[in-house]
Amino acid sequence: MTLVYVEHQDGQPDEVSLQAIALARGIAGSDPVDALVAGSGAEETAAALGVHGVGRVHVAEHDALAAHAPVALGRCIAELIERLSPSAAVAAGSERGNEVMAHAAAITELPLAANCIAAEPGDPLTVTRVRWGGSLLEEARVHGRVKLLSVMPHTVEAAETGGGPAEVKRFTPALSDADLVVRVVERVVQETGGGVSLSDAKFVVSCGRGAGSPEGFAPAEQLAALLGGAVGCSRAVTIAGWRSHTDQVGQTGTKIAPEVYLACGISGATQHMAGCKGAKRIIAVNIDPEAPIIANADYAVIGNLHDVIPAITAELRKGGAG
C-alpha cells in the first residue's frame, strides 16, 4: 500500500496533489493507494479522490488542523505509517508538501527524496528527481522500511482511473503541544484585481530588468489583461523593489505551469527556469541573442520588449481579442 498526503482548498484536491497520487499509483502497482486529508473541507476532498484511484481516505480530525500546521501534519503521517505500514508515503513537492514531509521524515527517522519526477517500484525504490534548481536530474535509490517522497509539481500528469467512491476512515491524531507550536493563524488573500492568480494562469507574461522601471510593466499588464492572464517578474525586479515578491517566478518565487509563458527582458538564470519549466510553451523576448533563456525557449524574438509587447497586443486587437 502507498500513502499520499493530499492538499486541498475549498473542498477540492489541489492539482499538484492529484499529480502526486498518479506517481503513487505507479509505485503501488496492483496494491491499494490510501490518502490522508485534514482541515476544513476534508470530507468534500475525500469524496473527490476515488476517481483518481484512491481506495481509502483517512480524515484527520483535530481542532488544531483547521489551518495549516506542518509539524502536526507530519505527526499524522507518522501515525498512519506506524498503523498501516505502507511501502511509501508521498506528497506534492509544493512548499507545504515538502515542509510536511520533512517533518514526517524527522519524526519517523525515515529517508526522504524530494522533488521526484519518476519512481520505479522495488526495494530499494529507484527515483529520478530534480536537483540544483532544475539544472540536474539525479537517479537515486531510496532505502528504508518506508520511503518518503515528494513529487515535483507539473512533472507528472494527473489522471482519473474511473474508480468508485473511496472508503472514508476518520481518526483523531495524538498531538502534543510541541506539535502545535507552528500553525497558520491568519490568511491574507492577495488582491488580484479580479484577475487570475499567477500560479493558476494559463498565460503569463513576465518582465525582468529589461522593463527599465515599475512603469515599464504597463505593456505587460495590458497584454495579460487582454488574454485573461497574469503578470510575473524575475528576482532582479523584486530586489529592485519594482514588483512584489508574490509576482516573482522562480525557484524562490512562484512555480508556474501555464499554456504559454512570455518571458521578456529576462536572462533566464537557472533559478528563474526552475520556476517556469512547467510551462507548455516558452516564448522569449530579449535584445541579447546569447541570453540563456533563448536556448530554453520554444520560440524567441530578438528585440526590445517595449517594441515587441505592444506589437503583439496591437495584432491581437486587430484579430478581435479582448
C-alpha atoms as a PDB file:
ATOM      1  CA  MET A   1       0.000   0.000   0.000  1.00  0.00           C
ATOM      2  CA  THR A   2       1.102   3.562  -0.738  1.00  0.00           C
ATOM      3  CA  LEU A   3       0.002   6.582   1.321  1.00  0.00           C
ATOM      4  CA  VAL A   4      -0.477  10.086  -0.163  1.00  0.00           C
ATOM      5  CA  TYR A   5      -0.855  13.340   1.755  1.00  0.00           C
ATOM      6  CA  VAL A   6      -3.385  15.444  -0.173  1.00  0.00           C
ATOM      7  CA  GLU A   7      -3.526  19.231  -0.043  1.00  0.00           C
ATOM      8  CA  HIS A   8      -6.861  20.847  -0.812  1.00  0.00           C
ATOM      9  CA  GLN A   9      -8.709  24.136  -0.999  1.00  0.00           C
ATOM     10  CA  ASP A  10     -12.424  24.845  -0.793  1.00  0.00           C
ATOM     11  CA  GLY A  11     -13.175  21.122  -0.638  1.00  0.00           C
ATOM     12  CA  GLN A  12     -11.261  20.253  -3.824  1.00  0.00           C
ATOM     13  CA  PRO A  13      -7.885  18.486  -4.010  1.00  0.00           C
ATOM     14  CA  ASP A  14      -5.045  20.601  -5.359  1.00  0.00           C
ATOM     15  CA  GLU A  15      -3.871  19.679  -8.846  1.00  0.00           C
ATOM     16  CA  VAL A  16      -0.331  19.061  -7.576  1.00  0.00           C
ATOM     17  CA  SER A  17      -1.681  16.507  -5.080  1.00  0.00           C
ATOM     18  CA  LEU A  18      -3.548  14.720  -7.861  1.00  0.00           C
ATOM     19  CA  GLN A  19      -0.224  14.555  -9.697  1.00  0.00           C
ATOM     20  CA  ALA A  20       1.352  13.026  -6.589  1.00  0.00           C
ATOM     21  CA  ILE A  21      -1.425  10.424  -6.499  1.00  0.00           C
ATOM     22  CA  ALA A  22      -0.622   9.495 -10.112  1.00  0.00           C
ATOM     23  CA  LEU A  23       3.017   8.821  -9.224  1.00  0.00           C
ATOM     24  CA  ALA A  24       1.941   6.929  -6.099  1.00  0.00           C
ATOM     25  CA  ARG A  25      -0.254   4.641  -8.229  1.00  0.00           C
ATOM     26  CA  GLY A  26       2.816   3.762 -10.284  1.00  0.00           C
ATOM     27  CA  ILE A  27       4.693   2.809  -7.127  1.00  0.00           C
ATOM     28  CA  ALA A  28       1.772   0.817  -5.727  1.00  0.00           C
ATOM     29  CA  GLY A  29       1.143  -1.222  -8.875  1.00  0.00           C
ATOM     30  CA  SER A  30      -1.713  -3.565  -8.035  1.00  0.00           C
ATOM     31  CA  ASP A  31      -1.592  -2.624  -4.344  1.00  0.00           C
ATOM     32  CA  PRO A  32      -4.037  -0.044  -2.919  1.00  0.00           C
ATOM     33  CA  VAL A  33      -3.456   3.690  -2.583  1.00  0.00           C
ATOM     34  CA  ASP A  34      -4.592   5.433   0.606  1.00  0.00           C
ATOM     35  CA  ALA A  35      -4.782   9.183   1.201  1.00  0.00           C
ATOM     36  CA  LEU A  36      -4.540  11.494   4.194  1.00  0.00           C
ATOM     37  CA  VAL A  37      -6.578  14.705   4.294  1.00  0.00           C
ATOM     38  CA  ALA A  38      -7.094  17.174   7.119  1.00  0.00           C
ATOM     39  CA  GLY A  39      -8.615  20.540   7.849  1.00  0.00           C
ATOM     40  CA  SER A  40     -11.704  22.371   6.674  1.00  0.00           C
ATOM     41  CA  GLY A  41     -13.154  20.793   3.538  1.00  0.00           C
ATOM     42  CA  ALA A  42     -11.520  17.414   4.175  1.00  0.00           C
ATOM     43  CA  GLU A  43     -14.773  15.476   3.795  1.00  0.00           C
ATOM     44  CA  GLU A  44     -15.547  17.067   0.412  1.00  0.00           C
ATOM     45  CA  THR A  45     -11.996  16.436  -0.728  1.00  0.00           C
ATOM     46  CA  ALA A  46     -12.213  12.780   0.283  1.00  0.00           C
ATOM     47  CA  ALA A  47     -15.278  12.372  -1.920  1.00  0.00           C
ATOM     48  CA  ALA A  48     -13.309  13.544  -4.957  1.00  0.00           C
ATOM     49  CA  LEU A  49     -10.377  11.134  -4.628  1.00  0.00           C
ATOM     50  CA  GLY A  50     -11.940   7.809  -5.580  1.00  0.00           C
ATOM     51  CA  VAL A  51     -11.953   8.620  -9.299  1.00  0.00           C
ATOM     52  CA  HIS A  52      -8.193   9.164  -9.081  1.00  0.00           C
ATOM     53  CA  GLY A  53      -7.520   5.662  -7.817  1.00  0.00           C
ATOM     54  CA  VAL A  54      -7.608   6.215  -4.055  1.00  0.00           C
ATOM     55  CA  GLY A  55      -9.307   3.327  -2.302  1.00  0.00           C
ATOM     56  CA  ARG A  56      -9.344   4.654   1.245  1.00  0.00           C
ATOM     57  CA  VAL A  57      -9.126   8.169   2.686  1.00  0.00           C
ATOM     58  CA  HIS A  58      -8.008   8.836   6.254  1.00  0.00           C
ATOM     59  CA  VAL A  59      -9.517  12.067   7.551  1.00  0.00           C
ATOM     60  CA  ALA A  60      -7.560  13.529  10.465  1.00  0.00           C
ATOM     61  CA  GLU A  61      -9.935  15.238  12.881  1.00  0.00           C
ATOM     62  CA  HIS A  62      -8.459  17.751  15.312  1.00  0.00           C
ATOM     63  CA  ASP A  63      -9.255  21.400  16.044  1.00  0.00           C
ATOM     64  CA  ALA A  64      -5.608  22.335  15.534  1.00  0.00           C
ATOM     65  CA  LEU A  65      -5.756  21.087  11.926  1.00  0.00           C
ATOM     66  CA  ALA A  66      -8.369  23.627  10.865  1.00  0.00           C
ATOM     67  CA  ALA A  67      -5.435  25.646   9.480  1.00  0.00           C
ATOM     68  CA  HIS A  68      -2.046  24.547   8.155  1.00  0.00           C
ATOM     69  CA  ALA A  69       0.085  23.033  10.939  1.00  0.00           C
ATOM     70  CA  PRO A  70       3.135  21.366   9.356  1.00  0.00           C
ATOM     71  CA  VAL A  71       4.532  19.559  12.406  1.00  0.00           C
ATOM     72  CA  ALA A  72       1.091  18.251  13.365  1.00  0.00           C
ATOM     73  CA  LEU A  73       0.507  17.006   9.812  1.00  0.00           C
ATOM     74  CA  GLY A  74       3.914  15.348   9.862  1.00  0.00           C
ATOM     75  CA  ARG A  75       2.811  13.632  13.079  1.00  0.00           C
ATOM     76  CA  CYS A  76      -0.391  12.451  11.338  1.00  0.00           C
ATOM     77  CA  ILE A  77       1.671  10.875   8.569  1.00  0.00           C
ATOM     78  CA  ALA A  78       3.962   9.246  11.120  1.00  0.00           C
ATOM     79  CA  GLU A  79       0.954   7.832  12.973  1.00  0.00           C
ATOM     80  CA  LEU A  80      -0.509   6.345   9.793  1.00  0.00           C
ATOM     81  CA  ILE A  81       2.871   4.901   8.826  1.00  0.00           C
ATOM     82  CA  GLU A  82       3.053   3.040  12.129  1.00  0.00           C
ATOM     83  CA  ARG A  83      -0.540   1.851  11.804  1.00  0.00           C
ATOM     84  CA  LEU A  84      -0.646   0.946   8.105  1.00  0.00           C
ATOM     85  CA  SER A  85       2.987   0.085   7.236  1.00  0.00           C
ATOM     86  CA  PRO A  86       2.865   1.481   3.683  1.00  0.00           C
ATOM     87  CA  SER A  87       5.716   0.825   1.283  1.00  0.00           C
ATOM     88  CA  ALA A  88       5.935   4.560   0.583  1.00  0.00           C
ATOM     89  CA  ALA A  89       4.413   7.868   1.667  1.00  0.00           C
ATOM     90  CA  VAL A  90       4.083  10.565  -0.989  1.00  0.00           C
ATOM     91  CA  ALA A  91       3.152  14.258  -1.121  1.00  0.00           C
ATOM     92  CA  ALA A  92       3.228  17.036  -3.674  1.00  0.00           C
ATOM     93  CA  GLY A  93       6.541  18.863  -3.866  1.00  0.00           C
ATOM     94  CA  SER A  94       4.844  22.173  -3.065  1.00  0.00           C
ATOM     95  CA  GLU A  95       6.138  24.449  -0.322  1.00  0.00           C
ATOM     96  CA  ARG A  96       3.651  22.938   2.107  1.00  0.00           C
ATOM     97  CA  GLY A  97       4.058  19.370   0.883  1.00  0.00           C
ATOM     98  CA  ASN A  98       7.835  19.439   1.200  1.00  0.00           C
ATOM     99  CA  GLU A  99       7.567  21.035   4.633  1.00  0.00           C
ATOM    100  CA  VAL A 100       5.127  18.428   5.940  1.00  0.00           C
ATOM    101  CA  MET A 101       7.143  15.515   4.548  1.00  0.00           C
ATOM    102  CA  ALA A 102      10.346  16.911   6.057  1.00  0.00           C
ATOM    103  CA  HIS A 103       8.700  16.878   9.489  1.00  0.00           C
ATOM    104  CA  ALA A 104       7.369  13.359   8.883  1.00  0.00           C
ATOM    105  CA  ALA A 105      10.882  12.209   7.960  1.00  0.00           C
ATOM    106  CA  ALA A 106      12.357  13.795  11.092  1.00  0.00           C
ATOM    107  CA  ILE A 107       9.707  12.220  13.339  1.00  0.00           C
ATOM    108  CA  THR A 108       9.987   8.724  11.827  1.00  0.00           C
ATOM    109  CA  GLU A 109      13.733   8.872  11.036  1.00  0.00           C
ATOM    110  CA  LEU A 110      12.924   7.637   7.534  1.00  0.00           C
ATOM    111  CA  PRO A 111      14.614   8.739   4.277  1.00  0.00           C
ATOM    112  CA  LEU A 112      13.015  11.474   2.185  1.00  0.00           C
ATOM    113  CA  ALA A 113      13.630  12.036  -1.527  1.00  0.00           C
ATOM    114  CA  ALA A 114      12.255  15.440  -2.519  1.00  0.00           C
ATOM    115  CA  ASN A 115      11.157  16.748  -5.924  1.00  0.00           C
ATOM    116  CA  CYS A 116      10.862  13.390  -7.681  1.00  0.00           C
ATOM    117  CA  ILE A 117       9.606  13.210 -11.265  1.00  0.00           C
ATOM    118  CA  ALA A 118       9.556   9.400 -11.639  1.00  0.00           C
ATOM    119  CA  ALA A 119       9.765   6.295  -9.482  1.00  0.00           C
ATOM    120  CA  GLU A 120      10.278   2.624 -10.264  1.00  0.00           C
ATOM    121  CA  PRO A 121       8.820   0.103  -7.803  1.00  0.00           C
ATOM    122  CA  GLY A 122      11.246  -2.074  -5.928  1.00  0.00           C
ATOM    123  CA  ASP A 123      13.286  -2.315  -2.785  1.00  0.00           C
ATOM    124  CA  PRO A 124      15.239  -0.115  -2.816  1.00  0.00           C
ATOM    125  CA  LEU A 125      12.956   2.302  -4.672  1.00  0.00           C
ATOM    126  CA  THR A 126      14.587   3.938  -7.708  1.00  0.00           C
ATOM    127  CA  VAL A 127      13.622   7.571  -8.213  1.00  0.00           C
ATOM    128  CA  THR A 128      14.523  10.366 -10.598  1.00  0.00           C
ATOM    129  CA  ARG A 129      14.498  13.766  -9.000  1.00  0.00           C
ATOM    130  CA  VAL A 130      15.275  17.372  -9.833  1.00  0.00           C
ATOM    131  CA  ARG A 131      18.363  18.911  -8.229  1.00  0.00           C
ATOM    132  CA  TRP A 132      20.212  22.207  -8.338  1.00  0.00           C
ATOM    133  CA  GLY A 133      17.237  24.313  -9.312  1.00  0.00           C
ATOM    134  CA  GLY A 134      16.333  22.170 -12.289  1.00  0.00           C
ATOM    135  CA  SER A 135      19.805  22.016 -13.864  1.00  0.00           C
ATOM    136  CA  LEU A 136      20.398  18.380 -12.884  1.00  0.00           C
ATOM    137  CA  LEU A 137      18.376  15.155 -12.912  1.00  0.00           C
ATOM    138  CA  GLU A 138      19.546  12.659 -10.325  1.00  0.00           C
ATOM    139  CA  GLU A 139      18.776   8.952 -10.249  1.00  0.00           C
ATOM    140  CA  ALA A 140      18.784   7.718  -6.678  1.00  0.00           C
ATOM    141  CA  ARG A 141      17.880   4.603  -4.723  1.00  0.00           C
ATOM    142  CA  VAL A 142      15.827   5.093  -1.589  1.00  0.00           C
ATOM    143  CA  HIS A 143      16.319   2.533   1.173  1.00  0.00           C
ATOM    144  CA  GLY A 144      14.181   2.081   4.264  1.00  0.00           C
ATOM    145  CA  ARG A 145      11.169   0.217   5.545  1.00  0.00           C
ATOM    146  CA  VAL A 146       9.013   3.120   4.265  1.00  0.00           C
ATOM    147  CA  LYS A 147      10.200   5.516   1.550  1.00  0.00           C
ATOM    148  CA  LEU A 148       9.104   9.145   1.779  1.00  0.00           C
ATOM    149  CA  LEU A 149       8.826  11.114  -1.456  1.00  0.00           C
ATOM    150  CA  SER A 150       7.618  14.456  -2.709  1.00  0.00           C
ATOM    151  CA  VAL A 151       6.659  14.929  -6.355  1.00  0.00           C
ATOM    152  CA  MET A 152       7.929  17.912  -8.341  1.00  0.00           C
ATOM    153  CA  PRO A 153       4.853  19.919  -9.388  1.00  0.00           C
ATOM    154  CA  HIS A 154       3.755  19.736 -13.035  1.00  0.00           C
ATOM    155  CA  THR A 155       6.098  16.887 -13.990  1.00  0.00           C
ATOM    156  CA  VAL A 156       3.598  14.026 -13.631  1.00  0.00           C
ATOM    157  CA  GLU A 157       0.206  14.149 -15.301  1.00  0.00           C
ATOM    158  CA  ALA A 158      -2.836  13.665 -13.079  1.00  0.00           C
ATOM    159  CA  ALA A 159      -5.324  11.155 -14.466  1.00  0.00           C
ATOM    160  CA  GLU A 160      -8.623   9.641 -13.432  1.00  0.00           C
ATOM    161  CA  THR A 161      -8.961   5.874 -13.186  1.00  0.00           C
ATOM    162  CA  GLY A 162     -12.740   5.615 -13.149  1.00  0.00           C
ATOM    163  CA  GLY A 163     -12.774   4.168  -9.659  1.00  0.00           C
ATOM    164  CA  GLY A 164     -15.767   4.357  -7.355  1.00  0.00           C
ATOM    165  CA  PRO A 165     -16.071   6.369  -4.130  1.00  0.00           C
ATOM    166  CA  ALA A 166     -13.228   5.900  -1.680  1.00  0.00           C
ATOM    167  CA  GLU A 167     -13.831   4.461   1.778  1.00  0.00           C
ATOM    168  CA  VAL A 168     -13.529   7.163   4.451  1.00  0.00           C
ATOM    169  CA  LYS A 169     -11.832   6.440   7.768  1.00  0.00           C
ATOM    170  CA  ARG A 170     -11.793   9.146  10.428  1.00  0.00           C
ATOM    171  CA  PHE A 171      -9.176   9.295  13.170  1.00  0.00           C
ATOM    172  CA  THR A 172      -8.042  11.710  15.848  1.00  0.00           C
ATOM    173  CA  PRO A 173      -4.257  12.012  15.866  1.00  0.00           C
ATOM    174  CA  ALA A 174      -2.357  12.110  19.142  1.00  0.00           C
ATOM    175  CA  LEU A 175      -0.813  15.579  19.053  1.00  0.00           C
ATOM    176  CA  SER A 176       1.353  17.161  21.738  1.00  0.00           C
ATOM    177  CA  ASP A 177       1.789  20.862  22.480  1.00  0.00           C
ATOM    178  CA  ALA A 178       5.134  20.736  20.659  1.00  0.00           C
ATOM    179  CA  ASP A 179       3.350  19.586  17.503  1.00  0.00           C
ATOM    180  CA  LEU A 180       1.200  22.720  17.570  1.00  0.00           C
ATOM    181  CA  VAL A 181       3.876  25.385  18.034  1.00  0.00           C
ATOM    182  CA  VAL A 182       3.919  26.197  14.306  1.00  0.00           C
ATOM    183  CA  ARG A 183       0.482  26.956  12.860  1.00  0.00           C
ATOM    184  CA  VAL A 184      -1.087  29.348  10.394  1.00  0.00           C
ATOM    185  CA  VAL A 185      -3.074  31.807  12.486  1.00  0.00           C
ATOM    186  CA  GLU A 186      -4.078  34.243   9.745  1.00  0.00           C
ATOM    187  CA  ARG A 187      -4.518  34.007   5.992  1.00  0.00           C
ATOM    188  CA  VAL A 188      -4.422  37.128   3.847  1.00  0.00           C
ATOM    189  CA  VAL A 189      -5.767  36.711   0.329  1.00  0.00           C
ATOM    190  CA  GLN A 190      -3.812  38.701  -2.225  1.00  0.00           C
ATOM    191  CA  GLU A 191      -5.910  41.064  -4.281  1.00  0.00           C
ATOM    192  CA  THR A 192      -5.705  40.187  -7.967  1.00  0.00           C
ATOM    193  CA  GLY A 193      -7.935  42.972  -9.240  1.00  0.00           C
ATOM    194  CA  GLY A 194     -10.473  40.428 -10.393  1.00  0.00           C
ATOM    195  CA  GLY A 195      -7.841  38.679 -12.496  1.00  0.00           C
ATOM    196  CA  VAL A 196      -6.359  35.210 -12.330  1.00  0.00           C
ATOM    197  CA  SER A 197      -3.564  34.342  -9.908  1.00  0.00           C
ATOM    198  CA  LEU A 198      -0.031  33.798 -11.159  1.00  0.00           C
ATOM    199  CA  SER A 199       0.026  30.126 -10.166  1.00  0.00           C
ATOM    200  CA  ASP A 200      -3.274  29.371 -11.934  1.00  0.00           C
ATOM    201  CA  ALA A 201      -2.895  31.495 -15.075  1.00  0.00           C
ATOM    202  CA  LYS A 202      -2.901  29.804 -18.482  1.00  0.00           C
ATOM    203  CA  PHE A 203      -0.982  32.745 -19.950  1.00  0.00           C
ATOM    204  CA  VAL A 204       1.809  34.524 -18.082  1.00  0.00           C
ATOM    205  CA  VAL A 205       3.887  37.443 -19.288  1.00  0.00           C
ATOM    206  CA  SER A 206       6.943  38.253 -17.188  1.00  0.00           C
ATOM    207  CA  CYS A 207       9.470  41.039 -17.396  1.00  0.00           C
ATOM    208  CA  GLY A 208      12.962  41.358 -15.990  1.00  0.00           C
ATOM    209  CA  ARG A 209      15.331  44.271 -15.656  1.00  0.00           C
ATOM    210  CA  GLY A 210      14.667  44.981 -19.320  1.00  0.00           C
ATOM    211  CA  ALA A 211      11.406  46.624 -18.249  1.00  0.00           C
ATOM    212  CA  GLY A 212      13.543  49.531 -17.053  1.00  0.00           C
ATOM    213  CA  SER A 213      11.246  50.682 -14.241  1.00  0.00           C
ATOM    214  CA  PRO A 214       7.988  49.849 -12.436  1.00  0.00           C
ATOM    215  CA  GLU A 215       6.157  51.843 -15.113  1.00  0.00           C
ATOM    216  CA  GLY A 216       7.807  49.674 -17.751  1.00  0.00           C
ATOM    217  CA  PHE A 217       5.434  46.843 -16.806  1.00  0.00           C
ATOM    218  CA  ALA A 218       2.415  48.707 -18.252  1.00  0.00           C
ATOM    219  CA  PRO A 219       2.591  46.940 -21.674  1.00  0.00           C
ATOM    220  CA  ALA A 220       2.815  43.568 -19.934  1.00  0.00           C
ATOM    221  CA  GLU A 221      -0.209  44.423 -17.788  1.00  0.00           C
ATOM    222  CA  GLN A 222      -2.208  45.364 -20.890  1.00  0.00           C
ATOM    223  CA  LEU A 223      -1.300  42.170 -22.751  1.00  0.00           C
ATOM    224  CA  ALA A 224      -2.039  39.946 -19.766  1.00  0.00           C
ATOM    225  CA  ALA A 225      -5.413  41.633 -19.247  1.00  0.00           C
ATOM    226  CA  LEU A 226      -6.246  41.183 -22.926  1.00  0.00           C
ATOM    227  CA  LEU A 227      -5.647  37.419 -22.719  1.00  0.00           C
ATOM    228  CA  GLY A 228      -7.001  36.846 -19.228  1.00  0.00           C
ATOM    229  CA  GLY A 229      -3.532  36.056 -17.928  1.00  0.00           C
ATOM    230  CA  ALA A 230      -1.206  37.204 -15.172  1.00  0.00           C
ATOM    231  CA  VAL A 231       1.980  39.240 -14.902  1.00  0.00           C
ATOM    232  CA  GLY A 232       5.145  37.872 -13.356  1.00  0.00           C
ATOM    233  CA  CYS A 233       8.695  39.086 -12.930  1.00  0.00           C
ATOM    234  CA  SER A 234      12.246  37.986 -12.276  1.00  0.00           C
ATOM    235  CA  ARG A 235      14.084  38.036  -8.959  1.00  0.00           C
ATOM    236  CA  ALA A 236      16.097  41.067 -10.060  1.00  0.00           C
ATOM    237  CA  VAL A 237      12.854  43.033 -10.335  1.00  0.00           C
ATOM    238  CA  THR A 238      11.739  42.192  -6.799  1.00  0.00           C
ATOM    239  CA  ILE A 239      15.198  43.046  -5.445  1.00  0.00           C
ATOM    240  CA  ALA A 240      14.916  46.430  -7.166  1.00  0.00           C
ATOM    241  CA  GLY A 241      11.549  46.926  -5.456  1.00  0.00           C
ATOM    242  CA  TRP A 242       9.628  47.301  -8.713  1.00  0.00           C
ATOM    243  CA  ARG A 243       7.208  44.443  -8.028  1.00  0.00           C
ATOM    244  CA  SER A 244       6.040  42.392  -5.047  1.00  0.00           C
ATOM    245  CA  HIS A 245       7.751  39.091  -4.252  1.00  0.00           C
ATOM    246  CA  THR A 246       4.387  37.413  -4.891  1.00  0.00           C
ATOM    247  CA  ASP A 247       4.885  38.237  -8.593  1.00  0.00           C
ATOM    248  CA  GLN A 248       8.269  36.533  -8.781  1.00  0.00           C
ATOM    249  CA  VAL A 249       8.613  33.463 -10.981  1.00  0.00           C
ATOM    250  CA  GLY A 250      11.454  31.202  -9.908  1.00  0.00           C
ATOM    251  CA  GLN A 251      12.838  28.668  -7.501  1.00  0.00           C
ATOM    252  CA  THR A 252      12.327  31.023  -4.555  1.00  0.00           C
ATOM    253  CA  GLY A 253       9.165  32.520  -6.032  1.00  0.00           C
ATOM    254  CA  THR A 254       6.069  31.064  -7.684  1.00  0.00           C
ATOM    255  CA  LYS A 255       6.343  27.924  -9.784  1.00  0.00           C
ATOM    256  CA  ILE A 256       4.034  28.187 -12.774  1.00  0.00           C
ATOM    257  CA  ALA A 257       2.686  25.849 -15.456  1.00  0.00           C
ATOM    258  CA  PRO A 258       0.824  27.998 -17.996  1.00  0.00           C
ATOM    259  CA  GLU A 259      -0.032  27.053 -21.546  1.00  0.00           C
ATOM    260  CA  VAL A 260       2.162  29.939 -22.722  1.00  0.00           C
ATOM    261  CA  TYR A 261       4.917  31.771 -20.864  1.00  0.00           C
ATOM    262  CA  LEU A 262       6.129  35.008 -22.445  1.00  0.00           C
ATOM    263  CA  ALA A 263       9.431  35.982 -20.812  1.00  0.00           C
ATOM    264  CA  CYS A 264      10.571  39.482 -21.741  1.00  0.00           C
ATOM    265  CA  GLY A 265      13.898  41.046 -20.860  1.00  0.00           C
ATOM    266  CA  ILE A 266      14.782  38.091 -18.623  1.00  0.00           C
ATOM    267  CA  SER A 267      18.204  36.463 -18.935  1.00  0.00           C
ATOM    268  CA  GLY A 268      16.946  33.044 -17.876  1.00  0.00           C
ATOM    269  CA  ALA A 269      19.206  32.090 -14.984  1.00  0.00           C
ATOM    270  CA  THR A 270      18.803  28.596 -13.518  1.00  0.00           C
ATOM    271  CA  GLN A 271      16.800  29.965 -10.589  1.00  0.00           C
ATOM    272  CA  HIS A 272      14.229  31.517 -12.911  1.00  0.00           C
ATOM    273  CA  MET A 273      13.983  28.496 -15.203  1.00  0.00           C
ATOM    274  CA  ALA A 274      13.217  26.287 -12.194  1.00  0.00           C
ATOM    275  CA  GLY A 275      10.027  28.295 -11.716  1.00  0.00           C
ATOM    276  CA  CYS A 276       8.774  28.215 -15.310  1.00  0.00           C
ATOM    277  CA  LYS A 277       9.880  24.796 -16.561  1.00  0.00           C
ATOM    278  CA  GLY A 278       6.307  23.536 -16.203  1.00  0.00           C
ATOM    279  CA  ALA A 279       5.150  25.880 -18.997  1.00  0.00           C
ATOM    280  CA  LYS A 280       3.854  24.132 -22.123  1.00  0.00           C
ATOM    281  CA  ARG A 281       5.403  26.782 -24.404  1.00  0.00           C
ATOM    282  CA  ILE A 282       8.066  29.383 -23.605  1.00  0.00           C
ATOM    283  CA  ILE A 283       8.427  32.466 -25.791  1.00  0.00           C
ATOM    284  CA  ALA A 284      11.470  34.612 -25.046  1.00  0.00           C
ATOM    285  CA  VAL A 285      11.832  38.266 -25.979  1.00  0.00           C
ATOM    286  CA  ASN A 286      15.344  39.594 -25.439  1.00  0.00           C
ATOM    287  CA  ILE A 287      17.769  42.009 -27.067  1.00  0.00           C
ATOM    288  CA  ASP A 288      20.617  39.561 -26.375  1.00  0.00           C
ATOM    289  CA  PRO A 289      20.619  36.536 -28.712  1.00  0.00           C
ATOM    290  CA  GLU A 290      23.067  34.830 -26.353  1.00  0.00           C
ATOM    291  CA  ALA A 291      20.823  35.091 -23.279  1.00  0.00           C
ATOM    292  CA  PRO A 292      20.462  31.678 -21.605  1.00  0.00           C
ATOM    293  CA  ILE A 293      16.665  31.783 -21.872  1.00  0.00           C
ATOM    294  CA  ILE A 294      16.900  31.746 -25.677  1.00  0.00           C
ATOM    295  CA  ALA A 295      18.280  28.194 -25.560  1.00  0.00           C
ATOM    296  CA  ASN A 296      15.424  27.100 -23.313  1.00  0.00           C
ATOM    297  CA  ALA A 297      12.648  28.771 -25.299  1.00  0.00           C
ATOM    298  CA  ASP A 298      10.360  27.156 -27.853  1.00  0.00           C
ATOM    299  CA  TYR A 299      10.249  30.459 -29.746  1.00  0.00           C
ATOM    300  CA  ALA A 300      12.445  33.538 -29.482  1.00  0.00           C
ATOM    301  CA  VAL A 301      12.163  37.143 -30.610  1.00  0.00           C
ATOM    302  CA  ILE A 302      15.358  39.179 -30.616  1.00  0.00           C
ATOM    303  CA  GLY A 303      14.181  42.668 -29.836  1.00  0.00           C
ATOM    304  CA  ASN A 304      13.246  45.205 -27.187  1.00  0.00           C
ATOM    305  CA  LEU A 305      10.250  44.246 -25.058  1.00  0.00           C
ATOM    306  CA  HIS A 306       8.947  47.828 -25.261  1.00  0.00           C
ATOM    307  CA  ASP A 307       8.571  47.341 -29.006  1.00  0.00           C
ATOM    308  CA  VAL A 308       7.572  43.673 -29.109  1.00  0.00           C
ATOM    309  CA  ILE A 309       4.855  43.533 -26.416  1.00  0.00           C
ATOM    310  CA  PRO A 310       2.839  46.495 -27.794  1.00  0.00           C
ATOM    311  CA  ALA A 311       3.132  44.983 -31.288  1.00  0.00           C
ATOM    312  CA  ILE A 312       1.718  41.660 -30.038  1.00  0.00           C
ATOM    313  CA  THR A 313      -1.111  43.491 -28.254  1.00  0.00           C
ATOM    314  CA  ALA A 314      -1.947  45.504 -31.377  1.00  0.00           C
ATOM    315  CA  GLU A 315      -2.091  42.388 -33.568  1.00  0.00           C
ATOM    316  CA  LEU A 316      -4.316  40.569 -31.096  1.00  0.00           C
ATOM    317  CA  ARG A 317      -6.715  43.501 -31.013  1.00  0.00           C
ATOM    318  CA  LYS A 318      -6.804  43.528 -34.802  1.00  0.00           C
ATOM    319  CA  GLY A 319      -7.869  39.902 -34.627  1.00  0.00           C
ATOM    320  CA  GLY A 320     -10.680  40.720 -32.220  1.00  0.00           C
ATOM    321  CA  ALA A 321      -9.050  39.671 -28.923  1.00  0.00           C
ATOM    322  CA  GLY A 322     -10.350  41.463 -25.859  1.00  0.00           C
END
